[in-house]
Amino acid sequence: MVSSSNSKAIILSEIIILCVRPQQFPELINEIKPFIKDHHIIISIAVGVPIEWLRMEFPNCNSIFHIHPPSTIFASSKGISFIASEQKNLTDSNLIVKDIFESFGEVIFVPEVDIDNYAVFVGCSPAFISRMAANWINLAIENGIPKEVADKIIVATFQSVTNSLVNLNISLKDFENKITTPNGVTEMGLRVIEKYDLGNIFVEIINKSKDKIKKIKNIFNAIEQI
């Protein structure tokens, strides 16, 4: 059923997936909470909106979940969904939610306190990696490689790395060693990476993303205390 009325959709549904932006939550929750009953299963995929806040808003609901699905599903790809639940045991509601998100790939249950940490890596990493790949493609083009060839190089590279990790069970370090000759061309490039310590850049990328989640979370903690 498709409806332009949120209240009507709630009344005629059992599983409610809240997939609006965090700043839209207070208005949406105020609209639908009079219609939430104990049989409903509430699933929130908003970053930084804790289960504790949802529990305060939906005291009659017995099943509330905080989930971060892989952002790659929007590109018709699969990934890992991380699920936080109030229930410590595997209840019927847990199984229902697990079945839904297994259609997108693997499902892992994690403590609510940890889910925002997972959200950065499962939600943001594809964009970070895509930006780096795009820069690499542009660099290849600037060095005289046709764009269509540069695109193929990136695709073949990702496929090779993925195949090594998944199918051949080779670690990233072992993969690097297999294609690096001592004092060779590749090692010269790797020394530049070590010199500028890209690890620190990655740390700053992750920390900035986590800081944004903390700011969102602080808003909902403040609302809860009012």
C-alpha atoms as a PDB file:
ATOM      1  CA  MET A   1       0.000   0.000   0.000  1.00  0.00           C
ATOM      2  CA  VAL A   2       1.166   3.526  -0.834  1.00  0.00           C
ATOM      3  CA  SER A   3      -0.244   6.429   1.146  1.00  0.00           C
ATOM      4  CA  SER A   4       0.494  10.121   1.508  1.00  0.00           C
ATOM      5  CA  SER A   5      -0.838   9.903   5.076  1.00  0.00           C
ATOM      6  CA  ASN A   6       1.722   8.815   7.663  1.00  0.00           C
ATOM      7  CA  SER A   7      -0.967   8.032  10.235  1.00  0.00           C
ATOM      8  CA  LYS A   8      -2.888   5.835   7.798  1.00  0.00           C
ATOM      9  CA  ALA A   9       0.315   4.006   6.837  1.00  0.00           C
ATOM     10  CA  ILE A  10       1.069   3.348  10.522  1.00  0.00           C
ATOM     11  CA  ILE A  11      -2.420   2.021  11.247  1.00  0.00           C
ATOM     12  CA  LEU A  12      -2.299  -0.407   8.320  1.00  0.00           C
ATOM     13  CA  SER A  13       1.270  -1.602   8.953  1.00  0.00           C
ATOM     14  CA  GLU A  14       3.148  -3.700  11.486  1.00  0.00           C
ATOM     15  CA  ILE A  15       6.752  -2.885  10.529  1.00  0.00           C
ATOM     16  CA  ILE A  16       7.658   0.817  10.527  1.00  0.00           C
ATOM     17  CA  ILE A  17      10.962   1.874   8.975  1.00  0.00           C
ATOM     18  CA  LEU A  18      11.910   5.440   9.875  1.00  0.00           C
ATOM     19  CA  CYS A  19      14.248   6.614   7.136  1.00  0.00           C
ATOM     20  CA  VAL A  20      14.113  10.395   7.351  1.00  0.00           C
ATOM     21  CA  ARG A  21      16.992  12.674   8.287  1.00  0.00           C
ATOM     22  CA  PRO A  22      17.699  13.120  12.025  1.00  0.00           C
ATOM     23  CA  GLN A  23      16.557  16.755  11.971  1.00  0.00           C
ATOM     24  CA  GLN A  24      13.173  15.604  10.632  1.00  0.00           C
ATOM     25  CA  PHE A  25      12.624  13.081  13.433  1.00  0.00           C
ATOM     26  CA  PRO A  26      10.953  15.266  16.111  1.00  0.00           C
ATOM     27  CA  GLU A  27       8.226  16.454  13.728  1.00  0.00           C
ATOM     28  CA  LEU A  28       7.635  12.970  12.296  1.00  0.00           C
ATOM     29  CA  ILE A  29       7.550  11.296  15.705  1.00  0.00           C
ATOM     30  CA  ASN A  30       5.034  13.796  17.060  1.00  0.00           C
ATOM     31  CA  GLU A  31       2.811  13.037  14.081  1.00  0.00           C
ATOM     32  CA  ILE A  32       2.860   9.236  14.284  1.00  0.00           C
ATOM     33  CA  LYS A  33       3.337   8.361  17.962  1.00  0.00           C
ATOM     34  CA  PRO A  34      -0.392   8.474  18.841  1.00  0.00           C
ATOM     35  CA  PHE A  35      -0.875   5.589  16.390  1.00  0.00           C
ATOM     36  CA  ILE A  36       2.019   3.359  17.524  1.00  0.00           C
ATOM     37  CA  LYS A  37       0.835   0.234  19.371  1.00  0.00           C
ATOM     38  CA  ASP A  38       2.569  -2.630  21.164  1.00  0.00           C
ATOM     39  CA  HIS A  39       2.484  -4.893  18.078  1.00  0.00           C
ATOM     40  CA  HIS A  40       4.494  -2.489  15.918  1.00  0.00           C
ATOM     41  CA  ILE A  41       8.145  -3.077  15.067  1.00  0.00           C
ATOM     42  CA  ILE A  42      10.002   0.245  14.838  1.00  0.00           C
ATOM     43  CA  ILE A  43      13.177   0.364  12.751  1.00  0.00           C
ATOM     44  CA  SER A  44      15.243   3.553  12.648  1.00  0.00           C
ATOM     45  CA  ILE A  45      18.109   3.914  10.189  1.00  0.00           C
ATOM     46  CA  ALA A  46      18.945   7.505  11.164  1.00  0.00           C
ATOM     47  CA  VAL A  47      22.495   8.171  12.307  1.00  0.00           C
ATOM     48  CA  GLY A  48      22.779   9.518  15.837  1.00  0.00           C
ATOM     49  CA  VAL A  49      19.182   8.874  16.944  1.00  0.00           C
ATOM     50  CA  PRO A  50      19.515   6.512  19.942  1.00  0.00           C
ATOM     51  CA  ILE A  51      17.104   3.769  20.931  1.00  0.00           C
ATOM     52  CA  GLU A  52      16.721   5.412  24.351  1.00  0.00           C
ATOM     53  CA  TRP A  53      15.161   8.475  22.739  1.00  0.00           C
ATOM     54  CA  LEU A  54      12.876   6.347  20.572  1.00  0.00           C
ATOM     55  CA  ARG A  55      11.856   4.333  23.648  1.00  0.00           C
ATOM     56  CA  MET A  56      10.852   7.573  25.384  1.00  0.00           C
ATOM     57  CA  GLU A  57       8.748   8.585  22.386  1.00  0.00           C
ATOM     58  CA  PHE A  58       7.176   5.146  21.851  1.00  0.00           C
ATOM     59  CA  PRO A  59       6.557   3.733  25.358  1.00  0.00           C
ATOM     60  CA  ASN A  60       3.855   1.349  24.082  1.00  0.00           C
ATOM     61  CA  CYS A  61       6.042  -0.312  21.457  1.00  0.00           C
ATOM     62  CA  ASN A  62       7.771  -3.556  22.421  1.00  0.00           C
ATOM     63  CA  SER A  63      10.248  -3.766  19.529  1.00  0.00           C
ATOM     64  CA  ILE A  64      12.559  -0.898  18.605  1.00  0.00           C
ATOM     65  CA  PHE A  65      15.654  -1.294  16.444  1.00  0.00           C
ATOM     66  CA  HIS A  66      18.480   1.020  15.437  1.00  0.00           C
ATOM     67  CA  ILE A  67      19.994  -0.147  12.156  1.00  0.00           C
ATOM     68  CA  HIS A  68      22.696   1.055   9.812  1.00  0.00           C
ATOM     69  CA  PRO A  69      22.299  -0.688   6.458  1.00  0.00           C
ATOM     70  CA  PRO A  70      25.136  -0.492   3.932  1.00  0.00           C
ATOM     71  CA  SER A  71      25.040   2.746   1.959  1.00  0.00           C
ATOM     72  CA  THR A  72      25.986   0.663  -1.091  1.00  0.00           C
ATOM     73  CA  ILE A  73      22.422  -0.693  -1.313  1.00  0.00           C
ATOM     74  CA  PHE A  74      21.467   2.567  -2.992  1.00  0.00           C
ATOM     75  CA  ALA A  75      23.684   1.498  -5.881  1.00  0.00           C
ATOM     76  CA  SER A  76      21.944  -1.898  -6.041  1.00  0.00           C
ATOM     77  CA  SER A  77      24.856  -3.551  -4.286  1.00  0.00           C
ATOM     78  CA  LYS A  78      25.028  -5.609  -1.116  1.00  0.00           C
ATOM     79  CA  GLY A  79      26.907  -5.057   2.106  1.00  0.00           C
ATOM     80  CA  ILE A  80      26.725  -5.517   5.861  1.00  0.00           C
ATOM     81  CA  SER A  81      23.851  -4.222   8.004  1.00  0.00           C
ATOM     82  CA  PHE A  82      24.558  -3.520  11.674  1.00  0.00           C
ATOM     83  CA  ILE A  83      21.599  -3.908  14.021  1.00  0.00           C
ATOM     84  CA  ALA A  84      21.155  -2.761  17.614  1.00  0.00           C
ATOM     85  CA  SER A  85      18.195  -4.115  19.541  1.00  0.00           C
ATOM     86  CA  GLU A  86      16.743  -3.685  23.009  1.00  0.00           C
ATOM     87  CA  GLN A  87      16.348  -7.447  23.293  1.00  0.00           C
ATOM     88  CA  LYS A  88      19.448  -9.387  24.294  1.00  0.00           C
ATOM     89  CA  ASN A  89      17.963 -12.699  23.120  1.00  0.00           C
ATOM     90  CA  LEU A  90      16.941 -13.615  19.587  1.00  0.00           C
ATOM     91  CA  THR A  91      13.214 -12.817  19.677  1.00  0.00           C
ATOM     92  CA  ASP A  92      10.625 -13.162  16.912  1.00  0.00           C
ATOM     93  CA  SER A  93      11.015  -9.458  16.166  1.00  0.00           C
ATOM     94  CA  ASN A  94      14.786  -9.842  15.852  1.00  0.00           C
ATOM     95  CA  LEU A  95      14.304 -12.672  13.375  1.00  0.00           C
ATOM     96  CA  ILE A  96      11.834 -10.643  11.302  1.00  0.00           C
ATOM     97  CA  VAL A  97      14.196  -7.669  11.101  1.00  0.00           C
ATOM     98  CA  LYS A  98      17.140  -9.963  10.396  1.00  0.00           C
ATOM     99  CA  ASP A  99      15.274 -11.563   7.476  1.00  0.00           C
ATOM    100  CA  ILE A 100      14.439  -8.151   5.996  1.00  0.00           C
ATOM    101  CA  PHE A 101      17.994  -6.851   5.999  1.00  0.00           C
ATOM    102  CA  GLU A 102      19.598 -10.130   4.947  1.00  0.00           C
ATOM    103  CA  SER A 103      18.178  -9.383   1.513  1.00  0.00           C
ATOM    104  CA  PHE A 104      20.865  -6.669   1.365  1.00  0.00           C
ATOM    105  CA  GLY A 105      23.682  -8.938   2.556  1.00  0.00           C
ATOM    106  CA  GLU A 106      25.128 -10.023   5.881  1.00  0.00           C
ATOM    107  CA  VAL A 107      23.525  -8.957   9.166  1.00  0.00           C
ATOM    108  CA  ILE A 108      25.484  -8.413  12.399  1.00  0.00           C
ATOM    109  CA  PHE A 109      23.899  -7.582  15.772  1.00  0.00           C
ATOM    110  CA  VAL A 110      25.955  -5.094  17.800  1.00  0.00           C
ATOM    111  CA  PRO A 111      25.455  -3.218  21.103  1.00  0.00           C
ATOM    112  CA  GLU A 112      23.666   0.111  20.743  1.00  0.00           C
ATOM    113  CA  VAL A 113      26.663   1.872  22.289  1.00  0.00           C
ATOM    114  CA  ASP A 114      28.829   0.742  19.361  1.00  0.00           C
ATOM    115  CA  ILE A 115      26.491   1.189  16.412  1.00  0.00           C
ATOM    116  CA  ASP A 116      27.487   4.774  15.565  1.00  0.00           C
ATOM    117  CA  ASN A 117      31.097   3.628  15.254  1.00  0.00           C
ATOM    118  CA  TYR A 118      30.045   0.963  12.766  1.00  0.00           C
ATOM    119  CA  ALA A 119      27.879   3.507  10.949  1.00  0.00           C
ATOM    120  CA  VAL A 120      30.889   5.583   9.941  1.00  0.00           C
ATOM    121  CA  PHE A 121      32.648   2.625   8.367  1.00  0.00           C
ATOM    122  CA  VAL A 122      29.674   0.919   6.710  1.00  0.00           C
ATOM    123  CA  GLY A 123      27.899   4.130   5.736  1.00  0.00           C
ATOM    124  CA  CYS A 124      30.674   6.571   4.857  1.00  0.00           C
ATOM    125  CA  SER A 125      33.576   4.406   3.691  1.00  0.00           C
ATOM    126  CA  PRO A 126      32.166   3.704   0.205  1.00  0.00           C
ATOM    127  CA  ALA A 127      32.025   7.450  -0.478  1.00  0.00           C
ATOM    128  CA  PHE A 128      35.538   8.002   0.892  1.00  0.00           C
ATOM    129  CA  ILE A 129      36.942   5.169  -1.209  1.00  0.00           C
ATOM    130  CA  SER A 130      35.018   6.361  -4.292  1.00  0.00           C
ATOM    131  CA  ARG A 131      36.491   9.856  -3.917  1.00  0.00           C
ATOM    132  CA  MET A 132      40.013   8.413  -3.707  1.00  0.00           C
ATOM    133  CA  ALA A 133      39.370   6.221  -6.757  1.00  0.00           C
ATOM    134  CA  ALA A 134      38.031   9.228  -8.695  1.00  0.00           C
ATOM    135  CA  ASN A 135      41.177  11.218  -7.867  1.00  0.00           C
ATOM    136  CA  TRP A 136      43.303   8.298  -9.048  1.00  0.00           C
ATOM    137  CA  ILE A 137      41.358   8.132 -12.327  1.00  0.00           C
ATOM    138  CA  ASN A 138      41.843  11.878 -12.864  1.00  0.00           C
ATOM    139  CA  LEU A 139      45.568  11.500 -12.218  1.00  0.00           C
ATOM    140  CA  ALA A 140      45.764   8.703 -14.772  1.00  0.00           C
ATOM    141  CA  ILE A 141      43.978  10.894 -17.327  1.00  0.00           C
ATOM    142  CA  GLU A 142      46.381  13.781 -16.617  1.00  0.00           C
ATOM    143  CA  ASN A 143      49.233  11.362 -17.368  1.00  0.00           C
ATOM    144  CA  GLY A 144      47.850  10.612 -20.822  1.00  0.00           C
ATOM    145  CA  ILE A 145      45.716   7.522 -20.162  1.00  0.00           C
ATOM    146  CA  PRO A 146      42.294   7.676 -21.888  1.00  0.00           C
ATOM    147  CA  LYS A 147      39.399   7.945 -19.448  1.00  0.00           C
ATOM    148  CA  GLU A 148      37.770   4.703 -20.566  1.00  0.00           C
ATOM    149  CA  VAL A 149      41.039   2.887 -19.934  1.00  0.00           C
ATOM    150  CA  ALA A 150      41.575   4.597 -16.581  1.00  0.00           C
ATOM    151  CA  ASP A 151      38.072   3.507 -15.529  1.00  0.00           C
ATOM    152  CA  LYS A 152      38.858  -0.076 -16.487  1.00  0.00           C
ATOM    153  CA  ILE A 153      42.090   0.020 -14.488  1.00  0.00           C
ATOM    154  CA  ILE A 154      40.234   1.053 -11.323  1.00  0.00           C
ATOM    155  CA  VAL A 155      37.527  -1.580 -11.820  1.00  0.00           C
ATOM    156  CA  ALA A 156      40.114  -4.308 -12.449  1.00  0.00           C
ATOM    157  CA  THR A 157      42.082  -3.187  -9.387  1.00  0.00           C
ATOM    158  CA  PHE A 158      39.074  -3.375  -7.056  1.00  0.00           C
ATOM    159  CA  GLN A 159      38.093  -6.745  -8.501  1.00  0.00           C
ATOM    160  CA  SER A 160      41.595  -8.069  -7.936  1.00  0.00           C
ATOM    161  CA  VAL A 161      41.745  -6.873  -4.331  1.00  0.00           C
ATOM    162  CA  THR A 162      38.254  -8.216  -3.588  1.00  0.00           C
ATOM    163  CA  ASN A 163      39.044 -11.575  -5.148  1.00  0.00           C
ATOM    164  CA  SER A 164      42.225 -11.862  -3.085  1.00  0.00           C
ATOM    165  CA  LEU A 165      40.418 -11.071   0.178  1.00  0.00           C
ATOM    166  CA  VAL A 166      37.264 -13.108  -0.393  1.00  0.00           C
ATOM    167  CA  ASN A 167      38.093 -15.985  -2.683  1.00  0.00           C
ATOM    168  CA  LEU A 168      41.811 -16.493  -2.104  1.00  0.00           C
ATOM    169  CA  ASN A 169      41.762 -15.535   1.599  1.00  0.00           C
ATOM    170  CA  ILE A 170      44.845 -13.345   1.170  1.00  0.00           C
ATOM    171  CA  SER A 171      45.323 -10.440   3.580  1.00  0.00           C
ATOM    172  CA  LEU A 172      45.840  -6.930   2.220  1.00  0.00           C
ATOM    173  CA  LYS A 173      49.437  -6.971   3.446  1.00  0.00           C
ATOM    174  CA  ASP A 174      50.114 -10.276   1.686  1.00  0.00           C
ATOM    175  CA  PHE A 175      48.456  -8.884  -1.451  1.00  0.00           C
ATOM    176  CA  GLU A 176      50.753  -5.858  -1.293  1.00  0.00           C
ATOM    177  CA  ASN A 177      53.831  -8.055  -0.830  1.00  0.00           C
ATOM    178  CA  LYS A 178      52.920 -10.244  -3.799  1.00  0.00           C
ATOM    179  CA  ILE A 179      52.970  -7.313  -6.212  1.00  0.00           C
ATOM    180  CA  THR A 180      55.886  -5.399  -4.682  1.00  0.00           C
ATOM    181  CA  THR A 181      59.466  -6.103  -5.733  1.00  0.00           C
ATOM    182  CA  PRO A 182      62.150  -5.021  -3.238  1.00  0.00           C
ATOM    183  CA  ASN A 183      63.591  -1.671  -4.384  1.00  0.00           C
ATOM    184  CA  GLY A 184      61.289  -1.834  -7.399  1.00  0.00           C
ATOM    185  CA  VAL A 185      58.903   0.663  -8.973  1.00  0.00           C
ATOM    186  CA  THR A 186      55.971  -0.129  -6.647  1.00  0.00           C
ATOM    187  CA  GLU A 187      58.110   0.097  -3.524  1.00  0.00           C
ATOM    188  CA  MET A 188      59.266   3.576  -4.520  1.00  0.00           C
ATOM    189  CA  GLY A 189      55.627   4.697  -4.548  1.00  0.00           C
ATOM    190  CA  LEU A 190      54.882   2.966  -1.251  1.00  0.00           C
ATOM    191  CA  ARG A 191      57.744   4.861   0.375  1.00  0.00           C
ATOM    192  CA  VAL A 192      55.988   8.120  -0.518  1.00  0.00           C
ATOM    193  CA  ILE A 193      52.834   6.844   1.199  1.00  0.00           C
ATOM    194  CA  GLU A 194      54.890   6.031   4.294  1.00  0.00           C
ATOM    195  CA  LYS A 195      56.597   9.431   4.155  1.00  0.00           C
ATOM    196  CA  TYR A 196      53.340  11.396   4.207  1.00  0.00           C
ATOM    197  CA  ASP A 197      51.623   8.898   6.551  1.00  0.00           C
ATOM    198  CA  LEU A 198      48.232   8.559   4.886  1.00  0.00           C
ATOM    199  CA  GLY A 199      47.103   6.737   8.023  1.00  0.00           C
ATOM    200  CA  ASN A 200      46.824  10.120   9.793  1.00  0.00           C
ATOM    201  CA  ILE A 201      44.595  11.423   7.013  1.00  0.00           C
ATOM    202  CA  PHE A 202      42.297   8.425   7.398  1.00  0.00           C
ATOM    203  CA  VAL A 203      42.174   8.973  11.163  1.00  0.00           C
ATOM    204  CA  GLU A 204      41.106  12.600  10.645  1.00  0.00           C
ATOM    205  CA  ILE A 205      38.455  11.549   8.092  1.00  0.00           C
ATOM    206  CA  ILE A 206      36.920   9.088  10.550  1.00  0.00           C
ATOM    207  CA  ASN A 207      37.152  11.484  13.511  1.00  0.00           C
ATOM    208  CA  LYS A 208      35.386  14.272  11.602  1.00  0.00           C
ATOM    209  CA  SER A 209      32.553  11.899  10.703  1.00  0.00           C
ATOM    210  CA  LYS A 210      32.272  10.685  14.307  1.00  0.00           C
ATOM    211  CA  ASP A 211      32.181  14.286  15.560  1.00  0.00           C
ATOM    212  CA  LYS A 212      29.177  14.965  13.324  1.00  0.00           C
ATOM    213  CA  ILE A 213      27.348  11.941  14.763  1.00  0.00           C
ATOM    214  CA  LYS A 214      28.113  13.152  18.303  1.00  0.00           C
ATOM    215  CA  LYS A 215      26.577  16.542  17.513  1.00  0.00           C
ATOM    216  CA  ILE A 216      23.409  14.876  16.228  1.00  0.00           C
ATOM    217  CA  LYS A 217      23.283  12.590  19.269  1.00  0.00           C
ATOM    218  CA  ASN A 218      23.706  15.535  21.658  1.00  0.00           C
ATOM    219  CA  ILE A 219      20.613  17.149  20.159  1.00  0.00           C
ATOM    220  CA  PHE A 220      18.482  14.107  20.974  1.00  0.00           C
ATOM    221  CA  ASN A 221      20.029  13.747  24.431  1.00  0.00           C
ATOM    222  CA  ALA A 222      19.064  17.354  25.109  1.00  0.00           C
ATOM    223  CA  ILE A 223      15.496  16.719  23.911  1.00  0.00           C
ATOM    224  CA  GLU A 224      15.275  13.693  26.204  1.00  0.00           C
ATOM    225  CA  GLN A 225      16.255  15.785  29.211  1.00  0.00           C
ATOM    226  CA  ILE A 226      13.602  18.443  28.611  1.00  0.00           C
END
